[in-house]
Amino acid sequence: LYIKNMVCDRCIKVVKEELEKLGFEINKIVLGEVNAEGEFGKDNLVKI
């Protein structure tokens, strides 16, 4: 997933926590980019 407005370590932490709350497993996260595992159906993409 490519995410706009991630500019610091705190942004990374927030995005990681929020995606994990939605049930996604985070494999790698850096500024602007998250590699995650989970169910990426339409409903979940709207939630993300």
ModelCIF file with pLDDT and N, C-alpha, C, O atoms, coordinates in Angstrom:
data_MODEL
#
_entry.id   MODEL 
#
_entity.id                         1 
_entity.type                       polymer 
_entity.pdbx_number_of_molecules   1 
#
_entity_poly.entity_id                      1 
_entity_poly.type                           'polypeptide(L)' 
_entity_poly.nstd_linkage                   no 
_entity_poly.nstd_monomer                   no 
_entity_poly.pdbx_seq_one_letter_code       LYIKNMVCDRCIKVVKEELEKLGFEINKIVLGEVNAEGEFGKDNLVKI 
_entity_poly.pdbx_seq_one_letter_code_can   LYIKNMVCDRCIKVVKEELEKLGFEINKIVLGEVNAEGEFGKDNLVKI 
_entity_poly.pdbx_strand_id                 A 
#
loop_
_entity_poly_seq.entity_id 
_entity_poly_seq.num 
_entity_poly_seq.mon_id 
_entity_poly_seq.hetero 
1 1  LEU n 
1 2  TYR n 
1 3  ILE n 
1 4  LYS n 
1 5  ASN n 
1 6  MET n 
1 7  VAL n 
1 8  CYS n 
1 9  ASP n 
1 10 ARG n 
1 11 CYS n 
1 12 ILE n 
1 13 LYS n 
1 14 VAL n 
1 15 VAL n 
1 16 LYS n 
1 17 GLU n 
1 18 GLU n 
1 19 LEU n 
1 20 GLU n 
1 21 LYS n 
1 22 LEU n 
1 23 GLY n 
1 24 PHE n 
1 25 GLU n 
1 26 ILE n 
1 27 ASN n 
1 28 LYS n 
1 29 ILE n 
1 30 VAL n 
1 31 LEU n 
1 32 GLY n 
1 33 GLU n 
1 34 VAL n 
1 35 ASN n 
1 36 ALA n 
1 37 GLU n 
1 38 GLY n 
1 39 GLU n 
1 40 PHE n 
1 41 GLY n 
1 42 LYS n 
1 43 ASP n 
1 44 ASN n 
1 45 LEU n 
1 46 VAL n 
1 47 LYS n 
1 48 ILE n 
#
_struct_asym.id          A 
_struct_asym.entity_id   1 
#
loop_
_ma_qa_metric.id 
_ma_qa_metric.mode 
_ma_qa_metric.name 
_ma_qa_metric.software_group_id 
_ma_qa_metric.type 
1 global pLDDT . pLDDT 
2 local  pLDDT . pLDDT 
#
_ma_qa_metric_global.metric_id      1 
_ma_qa_metric_global.metric_value   91.81 
_ma_qa_metric_global.model_id       1 
_ma_qa_metric_global.ordinal_id     1 
#
loop_
_ma_qa_metric_local.label_asym_id 
_ma_qa_metric_local.label_comp_id 
_ma_qa_metric_local.label_seq_id 
_ma_qa_metric_local.metric_id 
_ma_qa_metric_local.metric_value 
_ma_qa_metric_local.model_id 
_ma_qa_metric_local.ordinal_id 
A LEU 1  2 93.00 1 1  
A TYR 2  2 91.00 1 2  
A ILE 3  2 92.00 1 3  
A LYS 4  2 89.00 1 4  
A ASN 5  2 88.00 1 5  
A MET 6  2 88.00 1 6  
A VAL 7  2 83.00 1 7  
A CYS 8  2 84.00 1 8  
A ASP 9  2 86.00 1 9  
A ARG 10 2 91.00 1 10 
A CYS 11 2 91.00 1 11 
A ILE 12 2 92.00 1 12 
A LYS 13 2 95.00 1 13 
A VAL 14 2 95.00 1 14 
A VAL 15 2 95.00 1 15 
A LYS 16 2 96.00 1 16 
A GLU 17 2 96.00 1 17 
A GLU 18 2 95.00 1 18 
A LEU 19 2 95.00 1 19 
A GLU 20 2 95.00 1 20 
A LYS 21 2 95.00 1 21 
A LEU 22 2 94.00 1 22 
A GLY 23 2 93.00 1 23 
A PHE 24 2 94.00 1 24 
A GLU 25 2 95.00 1 25 
A ILE 26 2 95.00 1 26 
A ASN 27 2 95.00 1 27 
A LYS 28 2 94.00 1 28 
A ILE 29 2 94.00 1 29 
A VAL 30 2 90.00 1 30 
A LEU 31 2 87.00 1 31 
A GLY 32 2 88.00 1 32 
A GLU 33 2 90.00 1 33 
A VAL 34 2 94.00 1 34 
A ASN 35 2 94.00 1 35 
A ALA 36 2 94.00 1 36 
A GLU 37 2 93.00 1 37 
A GLY 38 2 91.00 1 38 
A GLU 39 2 91.00 1 39 
A PHE 40 2 88.00 1 40 
A GLY 41 2 87.00 1 41 
A LYS 42 2 89.00 1 42 
A ASP 43 2 91.00 1 43 
A ASN 44 2 90.00 1 44 
A LEU 45 2 90.00 1 45 
A VAL 46 2 93.00 1 46 
A LYS 47 2 94.00 1 47 
A ILE 48 2 94.00 1 48 
#
loop_
_atom_site.group_PDB 
_atom_site.id 
_atom_site.type_symbol 
_atom_site.label_atom_id 
_atom_site.label_alt_id 
_atom_site.label_comp_id 
_atom_site.label_asym_id 
_atom_site.label_entity_id 
_atom_site.label_seq_id 
_atom_site.pdbx_PDB_ins_code 
_atom_site.Cartn_x 
_atom_site.Cartn_y 
_atom_site.Cartn_z 
_atom_site.occupancy 
_atom_site.B_iso_or_equiv 
_atom_site.pdbx_formal_charge 
_atom_site.auth_seq_id 
_atom_site.auth_comp_id 
_atom_site.auth_asym_id 
_atom_site.auth_atom_id 
_atom_site.pdbx_PDB_model_num 
ATOM 1   N N  . LEU A 1 1  ? 0.856   -1.183  0.000  1.00 93.00 ? 1  LEU A N  1 
ATOM 2   C CA . LEU A 1 1  ? 0.000   0.000   0.000  1.00 93.00 ? 1  LEU A CA 1 
ATOM 3   C C  . LEU A 1 1  ? 0.891   1.231   0.000  1.00 93.00 ? 1  LEU A C  1 
ATOM 4   O O  . LEU A 1 1  ? 1.907   1.272   0.695  1.00 93.00 ? 1  LEU A O  1 
ATOM 5   N N  . TYR A 1 2  ? 0.512   2.225   -0.775 1.00 91.00 ? 2  TYR A N  1 
ATOM 6   C CA . TYR A 1 2  ? 1.255   3.474   -0.818 1.00 91.00 ? 2  TYR A CA 1 
ATOM 7   C C  . TYR A 1 2  ? 0.410   4.535   -0.129 1.00 91.00 ? 2  TYR A C  1 
ATOM 8   O O  . TYR A 1 2  ? -0.764  4.723   -0.446 1.00 91.00 ? 2  TYR A O  1 
ATOM 9   N N  . ILE A 1 3  ? 1.039   5.228   0.829  1.00 92.00 ? 3  ILE A N  1 
ATOM 10  C CA . ILE A 1 3  ? 0.291   6.133   1.701  1.00 92.00 ? 3  ILE A CA 1 
ATOM 11  C C  . ILE A 1 3  ? 0.914   7.520   1.680  1.00 92.00 ? 3  ILE A C  1 
ATOM 12  O O  . ILE A 1 3  ? 2.116   7.688   1.887  1.00 92.00 ? 3  ILE A O  1 
ATOM 13  N N  . LYS A 1 4  ? 0.075   8.494   1.429  1.00 89.00 ? 4  LYS A N  1 
ATOM 14  C CA . LYS A 1 4  ? 0.505   9.883   1.363  1.00 89.00 ? 4  LYS A CA 1 
ATOM 15  C C  . LYS A 1 4  ? 0.527   10.498  2.754  1.00 89.00 ? 4  LYS A C  1 
ATOM 16  O O  . LYS A 1 4  ? -0.287  10.149  3.610  1.00 89.00 ? 4  LYS A O  1 
ATOM 17  N N  . ASN A 1 5  ? 1.459   11.410  2.972  1.00 88.00 ? 5  ASN A N  1 
ATOM 18  C CA . ASN A 1 5  ? 1.603   12.211  4.200  1.00 88.00 ? 5  ASN A CA 1 
ATOM 19  C C  . ASN A 1 5  ? 2.313   11.500  5.342  1.00 88.00 ? 5  ASN A C  1 
ATOM 20  O O  . ASN A 1 5  ? 2.249   11.969  6.478  1.00 88.00 ? 5  ASN A O  1 
ATOM 21  N N  . MET A 1 6  ? 2.982   10.395  5.081  1.00 88.00 ? 6  MET A N  1 
ATOM 22  C CA . MET A 1 6  ? 3.804   9.774   6.127  1.00 88.00 ? 6  MET A CA 1 
ATOM 23  C C  . MET A 1 6  ? 5.165   10.476  6.093  1.00 88.00 ? 6  MET A C  1 
ATOM 24  O O  . MET A 1 6  ? 5.879   10.399  5.093  1.00 88.00 ? 6  MET A O  1 
ATOM 25  N N  . VAL A 1 7  ? 5.521   11.157  7.183  1.00 83.00 ? 7  VAL A N  1 
ATOM 26  C CA . VAL A 1 7  ? 6.746   11.946  7.167  1.00 83.00 ? 7  VAL A CA 1 
ATOM 27  C C  . VAL A 1 7  ? 7.698   11.667  8.329  1.00 83.00 ? 7  VAL A C  1 
ATOM 28  O O  . VAL A 1 7  ? 8.796   12.222  8.374  1.00 83.00 ? 7  VAL A O  1 
ATOM 29  N N  . CYS A 1 8  ? 7.287   10.814  9.266  1.00 84.00 ? 8  CYS A N  1 
ATOM 30  C CA . CYS A 1 8  ? 8.146   10.610  10.427 1.00 84.00 ? 8  CYS A CA 1 
ATOM 31  C C  . CYS A 1 8  ? 7.897   9.223   11.034 1.00 84.00 ? 8  CYS A C  1 
ATOM 32  O O  . CYS A 1 8  ? 7.020   8.480   10.595 1.00 84.00 ? 8  CYS A O  1 
ATOM 33  N N  . ASP A 1 9  ? 8.690   8.904   12.048 1.00 86.00 ? 9  ASP A N  1 
ATOM 34  C CA . ASP A 1 9  ? 8.552   7.610   12.718 1.00 86.00 ? 9  ASP A CA 1 
ATOM 35  C C  . ASP A 1 9  ? 7.200   7.470   13.413 1.00 86.00 ? 9  ASP A C  1 
ATOM 36  O O  . ASP A 1 9  ? 6.650   6.372   13.498 1.00 86.00 ? 9  ASP A O  1 
ATOM 37  N N  . ARG A 1 10 ? 6.671   8.580   13.908 1.00 91.00 ? 10 ARG A N  1 
ATOM 38  C CA . ARG A 1 10 ? 5.364   8.530   14.559 1.00 91.00 ? 10 ARG A CA 1 
ATOM 39  C C  . ARG A 1 10 ? 4.266   8.155   13.563 1.00 91.00 ? 10 ARG A C  1 
ATOM 40  O O  . ARG A 1 10 ? 3.320   7.442   13.899 1.00 91.00 ? 10 ARG A O  1 
ATOM 41  N N  . CYS A 1 11 ? 4.411   8.650   12.330 1.00 91.00 ? 11 CYS A N  1 
ATOM 42  C CA . CYS A 1 11 ? 3.455   8.292   11.272 1.00 91.00 ? 11 CYS A CA 1 
ATOM 43  C C  . CYS A 1 11 ? 3.499   6.787   11.018 1.00 91.00 ? 11 CYS A C  1 
ATOM 44  O O  . CYS A 1 11 ? 2.461   6.144   10.860 1.00 91.00 ? 11 CYS A O  1 
ATOM 45  N N  . ILE A 1 12 ? 4.692   6.244   10.982 1.00 92.00 ? 12 ILE A N  1 
ATOM 46  C CA . ILE A 1 12 ? 4.860   4.805   10.771 1.00 92.00 ? 12 ILE A CA 1 
ATOM 47  C C  . ILE A 1 12 ? 4.149   4.036   11.880 1.00 92.00 ? 12 ILE A C  1 
ATOM 48  O O  . ILE A 1 12 ? 3.443   3.061   11.619 1.00 92.00 ? 12 ILE A O  1 
ATOM 49  N N  . LYS A 1 13 ? 4.341   4.482   13.116 1.00 95.00 ? 13 LYS A N  1 
ATOM 50  C CA . LYS A 1 13 ? 3.726   3.810   14.264 1.00 95.00 ? 13 LYS A CA 1 
ATOM 51  C C  . LYS A 1 13 ? 2.203   3.846   14.178 1.00 95.00 ? 13 LYS A C  1 
ATOM 52  O O  . LYS A 1 13 ? 1.543   2.831   14.403 1.00 95.00 ? 13 LYS A O  1 
ATOM 53  N N  . VAL A 1 14 ? 1.646   5.007   13.856 1.00 95.00 ? 14 VAL A N  1 
ATOM 54  C CA . VAL A 1 14 ? 0.193   5.158   13.786 1.00 95.00 ? 14 VAL A CA 1 
ATOM 55  C C  . VAL A 1 14 ? -0.389  4.270   12.691 1.00 95.00 ? 14 VAL A C  1 
ATOM 56  O O  . VAL A 1 14 ? -1.372  3.565   12.918 1.00 95.00 ? 14 VAL A O  1 
ATOM 57  N N  . VAL A 1 15 ? 0.213   4.303   11.507 1.00 95.00 ? 15 VAL A N  1 
ATOM 58  C CA . VAL A 1 15 ? -0.293  3.500   10.394 1.00 95.00 ? 15 VAL A CA 1 
ATOM 59  C C  . VAL A 1 15 ? -0.220  2.017   10.738 1.00 95.00 ? 15 VAL A C  1 
ATOM 60  O O  . VAL A 1 15 ? -1.163  1.269   10.479 1.00 95.00 ? 15 VAL A O  1 
ATOM 61  N N  . LYS A 1 16 ? 0.892   1.595   11.318 1.00 96.00 ? 16 LYS A N  1 
ATOM 62  C CA . LYS A 1 16 ? 1.060   0.190   11.689 1.00 96.00 ? 16 LYS A CA 1 
ATOM 63  C C  . LYS A 1 16 ? -0.024  -0.239  12.684 1.00 96.00 ? 16 LYS A C  1 
ATOM 64  O O  . LYS A 1 16 ? -0.666  -1.274  12.502 1.00 96.00 ? 16 LYS A O  1 
ATOM 65  N N  . GLU A 1 17 ? -0.219  0.550   13.720 1.00 96.00 ? 17 GLU A N  1 
ATOM 66  C CA . GLU A 1 17 ? -1.218  0.222   14.744 1.00 96.00 ? 17 GLU A CA 1 
ATOM 67  C C  . GLU A 1 17 ? -2.628  0.161   14.153 1.00 96.00 ? 17 GLU A C  1 
ATOM 68  O O  . GLU A 1 17 ? -3.392  -0.753  14.463 1.00 96.00 ? 17 GLU A O  1 
ATOM 69  N N  . GLU A 1 18 ? -2.971  1.119   13.314 1.00 95.00 ? 18 GLU A N  1 
ATOM 70  C CA . GLU A 1 18 ? -4.319  1.171   12.752 1.00 95.00 ? 18 GLU A CA 1 
ATOM 71  C C  . GLU A 1 18 ? -4.577  -0.002  11.808 1.00 95.00 ? 18 GLU A C  1 
ATOM 72  O O  . GLU A 1 18 ? -5.666  -0.576  11.823 1.00 95.00 ? 18 GLU A O  1 
ATOM 73  N N  . LEU A 1 19 ? -3.595  -0.363  10.991 1.00 95.00 ? 19 LEU A N  1 
ATOM 74  C CA . LEU A 1 19 ? -3.781  -1.495  10.081 1.00 95.00 ? 19 LEU A CA 1 
ATOM 75  C C  . LEU A 1 19 ? -3.845  -2.818  10.850 1.00 95.00 ? 19 LEU A C  1 
ATOM 76  O O  . LEU A 1 19 ? -4.591  -3.723  10.473 1.00 95.00 ? 19 LEU A O  1 
ATOM 77  N N  . GLU A 1 20 ? -3.071  -2.925  11.914 1.00 95.00 ? 20 GLU A N  1 
ATOM 78  C CA . GLU A 1 20 ? -3.135  -4.136  12.738 1.00 95.00 ? 20 GLU A CA 1 
ATOM 79  C C  . GLU A 1 20 ? -4.488  -4.253  13.424 1.00 95.00 ? 20 GLU A C  1 
ATOM 80  O O  . GLU A 1 20 ? -5.007  -5.359  13.575 1.00 95.00 ? 20 GLU A O  1 
ATOM 81  N N  . LYS A 1 21 ? -5.068  -3.133  13.842 1.00 95.00 ? 21 LYS A N  1 
ATOM 82  C CA . LYS A 1 21 ? -6.403  -3.156  14.439 1.00 95.00 ? 21 LYS A CA 1 
ATOM 83  C C  . LYS A 1 21 ? -7.439  -3.683  13.452 1.00 95.00 ? 21 LYS A C  1 
ATOM 84  O O  . LYS A 1 21 ? -8.420  -4.312  13.847 1.00 95.00 ? 21 LYS A O  1 
ATOM 85  N N  . LEU A 1 22 ? -7.211  -3.421  12.161 1.00 94.00 ? 22 LEU A N  1 
ATOM 86  C CA . LEU A 1 22 ? -8.124  -3.898  11.126 1.00 94.00 ? 22 LEU A CA 1 
ATOM 87  C C  . LEU A 1 22 ? -7.869  -5.362  10.761 1.00 94.00 ? 22 LEU A C  1 
ATOM 88  O O  . LEU A 1 22 ? -8.584  -5.933  9.937  1.00 94.00 ? 22 LEU A O  1 
ATOM 89  N N  . GLY A 1 23 ? -6.836  -5.975  11.385 1.00 93.00 ? 23 GLY A N  1 
ATOM 90  C CA . GLY A 1 23 ? -6.572  -7.393  11.163 1.00 93.00 ? 23 GLY A CA 1 
ATOM 91  C C  . GLY A 1 23 ? -5.506  -7.698  10.132 1.00 93.00 ? 23 GLY A C  1 
ATOM 92  O O  . GLY A 1 23 ? -5.376  -8.845  9.705  1.00 93.00 ? 23 GLY A O  1 
ATOM 93  N N  . PHE A 1 24 ? -4.739  -6.697  9.722  1.00 94.00 ? 24 PHE A N  1 
ATOM 94  C CA . PHE A 1 24 ? -3.677  -6.923  8.745  1.00 94.00 ? 24 PHE A CA 1 
ATOM 95  C C  . PHE A 1 24 ? -2.361  -7.197  9.451  1.00 94.00 ? 24 PHE A C  1 
ATOM 96  O O  . PHE A 1 24 ? -2.069  -6.625  10.501 1.00 94.00 ? 24 PHE A O  1 
ATOM 97  N N  . GLU A 1 25 ? -1.581  -8.073  8.862  1.00 95.00 ? 25 GLU A N  1 
ATOM 98  C CA . GLU A 1 25 ? -0.249  -8.369  9.376  1.00 95.00 ? 25 GLU A CA 1 
ATOM 99  C C  . GLU A 1 25 ? 0.747   -7.532  8.578  1.00 95.00 ? 25 GLU A C  1 
ATOM 100 O O  . GLU A 1 25 ? 0.798   -7.616  7.351  1.00 95.00 ? 25 GLU A O  1 
ATOM 101 N N  . ILE A 1 26 ? 1.533   -6.726  9.283  1.00 95.00 ? 26 ILE A N  1 
ATOM 102 C CA . ILE A 1 26 ? 2.489   -5.839  8.632  1.00 95.00 ? 26 ILE A CA 1 
ATOM 103 C C  . ILE A 1 26 ? 3.816   -6.569  8.465  1.00 95.00 ? 26 ILE A C  1 
ATOM 104 O O  . ILE A 1 26 ? 4.434   -6.982  9.446  1.00 95.00 ? 26 ILE A O  1 
ATOM 105 N N  . ASN A 1 27 ? 4.246   -6.724  7.221  1.00 95.00 ? 27 ASN A N  1 
ATOM 106 C CA . ASN A 1 27 ? 5.529   -7.372  6.943  1.00 95.00 ? 27 ASN A CA 1 
ATOM 107 C C  . ASN A 1 27 ? 6.672   -6.365  6.920  1.00 95.00 ? 27 ASN A C  1 
ATOM 108 O O  . ASN A 1 27 ? 7.773   -6.651  7.389  1.00 95.00 ? 27 ASN A O  1 
ATOM 109 N N  . LYS A 1 28 ? 6.398   -5.180  6.368  1.00 94.00 ? 28 LYS A N  1 
ATOM 110 C CA . LYS A 1 28 ? 7.422   -4.139  6.272  1.00 94.00 ? 28 LYS A CA 1 
ATOM 111 C C  . LYS A 1 28 ? 6.705   -2.798  6.172  1.00 94.00 ? 28 LYS A C  1 
ATOM 112 O O  . LYS A 1 28 ? 5.685   -2.673  5.495  1.00 94.00 ? 28 LYS A O  1 
ATOM 113 N N  . ILE A 1 29 ? 7.258   -1.795  6.860  1.00 94.00 ? 29 ILE A N  1 
ATOM 114 C CA . ILE A 1 29 ? 6.673   -0.462  6.779  1.00 94.00 ? 29 ILE A CA 1 
ATOM 115 C C  . ILE A 1 29 ? 7.786   0.577   6.789  1.00 94.00 ? 29 ILE A C  1 
ATOM 116 O O  . ILE A 1 29 ? 8.660   0.568   7.656  1.00 94.00 ? 29 ILE A O  1 
ATOM 117 N N  . VAL A 1 30 ? 7.737   1.461   5.820  1.00 90.00 ? 30 VAL A N  1 
ATOM 118 C CA . VAL A 1 30 ? 8.660   2.592   5.712  1.00 90.00 ? 30 VAL A CA 1 
ATOM 119 C C  . VAL A 1 30 ? 7.818   3.808   5.336  1.00 90.00 ? 30 VAL A C  1 
ATOM 120 O O  . VAL A 1 30 ? 6.624   3.678   5.064  1.00 90.00 ? 30 VAL A O  1 
ATOM 121 N N  . LEU A 1 31 ? 8.425   4.969   5.320  1.00 87.00 ? 31 LEU A N  1 
ATOM 122 C CA . LEU A 1 31 ? 7.681   6.173   4.974  1.00 87.00 ? 31 LEU A CA 1 
ATOM 123 C C  . LEU A 1 31 ? 7.010   6.005   3.619  1.00 87.00 ? 31 LEU A C  1 
ATOM 124 O O  . LEU A 1 31 ? 7.670   5.740   2.615  1.00 87.00 ? 31 LEU A O  1 
ATOM 125 N N  . GLY A 1 32 ? 5.701   6.161   3.602  1.00 88.00 ? 32 GLY A N  1 
ATOM 126 C CA . GLY A 1 32 ? 4.946   6.128   2.368  1.00 88.00 ? 32 GLY A CA 1 
ATOM 127 C C  . GLY A 1 32 ? 4.609   4.762   1.814  1.00 88.00 ? 32 GLY A C  1 
ATOM 128 O O  . GLY A 1 32 ? 3.945   4.666   0.782  1.00 88.00 ? 32 GLY A O  1 
ATOM 129 N N  . GLU A 1 33 ? 5.050   3.699   2.473  1.00 90.00 ? 33 GLU A N  1 
ATOM 130 C CA . GLU A 1 33 ? 4.879   2.367   1.901  1.00 90.00 ? 33 GLU A CA 1 
ATOM 131 C C  . GLU A 1 33 ? 4.694   1.310   2.993  1.00 90.00 ? 33 GLU A C  1 
ATOM 132 O O  . GLU A 1 33 ? 5.450   1.262   3.964  1.00 90.00 ? 33 GLU A O  1 
ATOM 133 N N  . VAL A 1 34 ? 3.676   0.469   2.813  1.00 94.00 ? 34 VAL A N  1 
ATOM 134 C CA . VAL A 1 34 ? 3.403   -0.604  3.767  1.00 94.00 ? 34 VAL A CA 1 
ATOM 135 C C  . VAL A 1 34 ? 3.210   -1.897  3.001  1.00 94.00 ? 34 VAL A C  1 
ATOM 136 O O  . VAL A 1 34 ? 2.405   -1.960  2.071  1.00 94.00 ? 34 VAL A O  1 
ATOM 137 N N  . ASN A 1 35 ? 3.941   -2.923  3.384  1.00 94.00 ? 35 ASN A N  1 
ATOM 138 C CA . ASN A 1 35 ? 3.722   -4.251  2.825  1.00 94.00 ? 35 ASN A CA 1 
ATOM 139 C C  . ASN A 1 35 ? 2.979   -5.039  3.886  1.00 94.00 ? 35 ASN A C  1 
ATOM 140 O O  . ASN A 1 35 ? 3.499   -5.288  4.974  1.00 94.00 ? 35 ASN A O  1 
ATOM 141 N N  . ALA A 1 36 ? 1.747   -5.430  3.553  1.00 94.00 ? 36 ALA A N  1 
ATOM 142 C CA . ALA A 1 36 ? 0.883   -6.082  4.536  1.00 94.00 ? 36 ALA A CA 1 
ATOM 143 C C  . ALA A 1 36 ? 0.259   -7.341  3.955  1.00 94.00 ? 36 ALA A C  1 
ATOM 144 O O  . ALA A 1 36 ? 0.213   -7.544  2.742  1.00 94.00 ? 36 ALA A O  1 
ATOM 145 N N  . GLU A 1 37 ? -0.215  -8.173  4.865  1.00 93.00 ? 37 GLU A N  1 
ATOM 146 C CA . GLU A 1 37 ? -0.884  -9.405  4.487  1.00 93.00 ? 37 GLU A CA 1 
ATOM 147 C C  . GLU A 1 37 ? -2.263  -9.407  5.122  1.00 93.00 ? 37 GLU A C  1 
ATOM 148 O O  . GLU A 1 37 ? -2.425  -9.070  6.295  1.00 93.00 ? 37 GLU A O  1 
ATOM 149 N N  . GLY A 1 38 ? -3.250  -9.790  4.330  1.00 91.00 ? 38 GLY A N  1 
ATOM 150 C CA . GLY A 1 38 ? -4.608  -9.839  4.849  1.00 91.00 ? 38 GLY A CA 1 
ATOM 151 C C  . GLY A 1 38 ? -5.607  -9.975  3.720  1.00 91.00 ? 38 GLY A C  1 
ATOM 152 O O  . GLY A 1 38 ? -5.259  -10.347 2.599  1.00 91.00 ? 38 GLY A O  1 
ATOM 153 N N  . GLU A 1 39 ? -6.853  -9.667  4.034  1.00 91.00 ? 39 GLU A N  1 
ATOM 154 C CA . GLU A 1 39 ? -7.921  -9.740  3.047  1.00 91.00 ? 39 GLU A CA 1 
ATOM 155 C C  . GLU A 1 39 ? -8.197  -8.337  2.512  1.00 91.00 ? 39 GLU A C  1 
ATOM 156 O O  . GLU A 1 39 ? -8.679  -7.470  3.240  1.00 91.00 ? 39 GLU A O  1 
ATOM 157 N N  . PHE A 1 40 ? -7.887  -8.123  1.233  1.00 88.00 ? 40 PHE A N  1 
ATOM 158 C CA . PHE A 1 40 ? -7.976  -6.797  0.623  1.00 88.00 ? 40 PHE A CA 1 
ATOM 159 C C  . PHE A 1 40 ? -9.202  -6.645  -0.271 1.00 88.00 ? 40 PHE A C  1 
ATOM 160 O O  . PHE A 1 40 ? -9.114  -6.065  -1.354 1.00 88.00 ? 40 PHE A O  1 
ATOM 161 N N  . GLY A 1 41 ? -10.332 -7.158  0.172  1.00 87.00 ? 41 GLY A N  1 
ATOM 162 C CA . GLY A 1 41 ? -11.571 -6.987  -0.591 1.00 87.00 ? 41 GLY A CA 1 
ATOM 163 C C  . GLY A 1 41 ? -12.013 -5.532  -0.559 1.00 87.00 ? 41 GLY A C  1 
ATOM 164 O O  . GLY A 1 41 ? -11.420 -4.708  0.136  1.00 87.00 ? 41 GLY A O  1 
ATOM 165 N N  . LYS A 1 42 ? -13.061 -5.223  -1.319 1.00 89.00 ? 42 LYS A N  1 
ATOM 166 C CA . LYS A 1 42 ? -13.559 -3.841  -1.405 1.00 89.00 ? 42 LYS A CA 1 
ATOM 167 C C  . LYS A 1 42 ? -13.895 -3.255  -0.040 1.00 89.00 ? 42 LYS A C  1 
ATOM 168 O O  . LYS A 1 42 ? -13.546 -2.112  0.255  1.00 89.00 ? 42 LYS A O  1 
ATOM 169 N N  . ASP A 1 43 ? -14.571 -4.040  0.789  1.00 91.00 ? 43 ASP A N  1 
ATOM 170 C CA . ASP A 1 43 ? -14.964 -3.543  2.113  1.00 91.00 ? 43 ASP A CA 1 
ATOM 171 C C  . ASP A 1 43 ? -13.754 -3.176  2.958  1.00 91.00 ? 43 ASP A C  1 
ATOM 172 O O  . ASP A 1 43 ? -13.741 -2.137  3.618  1.00 91.00 ? 43 ASP A O  1 
ATOM 173 N N  . ASN A 1 44 ? -12.738 -4.031  2.935  1.00 90.00 ? 44 ASN A N  1 
ATOM 174 C CA . ASN A 1 44 ? -11.540 -3.759  3.728  1.00 90.00 ? 44 ASN A CA 1 
ATOM 175 C C  . ASN A 1 44 ? -10.753 -2.571  3.177  1.00 90.00 ? 44 ASN A C  1 
ATOM 176 O O  . ASN A 1 44 ? -10.168 -1.809  3.947  1.00 90.00 ? 44 ASN A O  1 
ATOM 177 N N  . LEU A 1 45 ? -10.734 -2.404  1.858  1.00 90.00 ? 45 LEU A N  1 
ATOM 178 C CA . LEU A 1 45 ? -10.040 -1.246  1.283  1.00 90.00 ? 45 LEU A CA 1 
ATOM 179 C C  . LEU A 1 45 ? -10.738 0.050   1.696  1.00 90.00 ? 45 LEU A C  1 
ATOM 180 O O  . LEU A 1 45 ? -10.073 1.056   1.945  1.00 90.00 ? 45 LEU A O  1 
ATOM 181 N N  . VAL A 1 46 ? -12.042 0.037   1.768  1.00 93.00 ? 46 VAL A N  1 
ATOM 182 C CA . VAL A 1 46 ? -12.789 1.217   2.239  1.00 93.00 ? 46 VAL A CA 1 
ATOM 183 C C  . VAL A 1 46 ? -12.437 1.493   3.701  1.00 93.00 ? 46 VAL A C  1 
ATOM 184 O O  . VAL A 1 46 ? -12.239 2.646   4.086  1.00 93.00 ? 46 VAL A O  1 
ATOM 185 N N  . LYS A 1 47 ? -12.361 0.446   4.507  1.00 94.00 ? 47 LYS A N  1 
ATOM 186 C CA . LYS A 1 47 ? -11.986 0.607   5.919  1.00 94.00 ? 47 LYS A CA 1 
ATOM 187 C C  . LYS A 1 47 ? -10.578 1.189   6.036  1.00 94.00 ? 47 LYS A C  1 
ATOM 188 O O  . LYS A 1 47 ? -10.328 2.073   6.856  1.00 94.00 ? 47 LYS A O  1 
ATOM 189 N N  . ILE A 1 48 ? -9.658  0.681   5.204  1.00 94.00 ? 48 ILE A N  1 
ATOM 190 C CA . ILE A 1 48 ? -8.277  1.193   5.221  1.00 94.00 ? 48 ILE A CA 1 
ATOM 191 C C  . ILE A 1 48 ? -8.272  2.674   4.860  1.00 94.00 ? 48 ILE A C  1 
ATOM 192 O O  . ILE A 1 48 ? -7.210  3.295   4.817  1.00 94.00 ? 48 ILE A O  1 
#
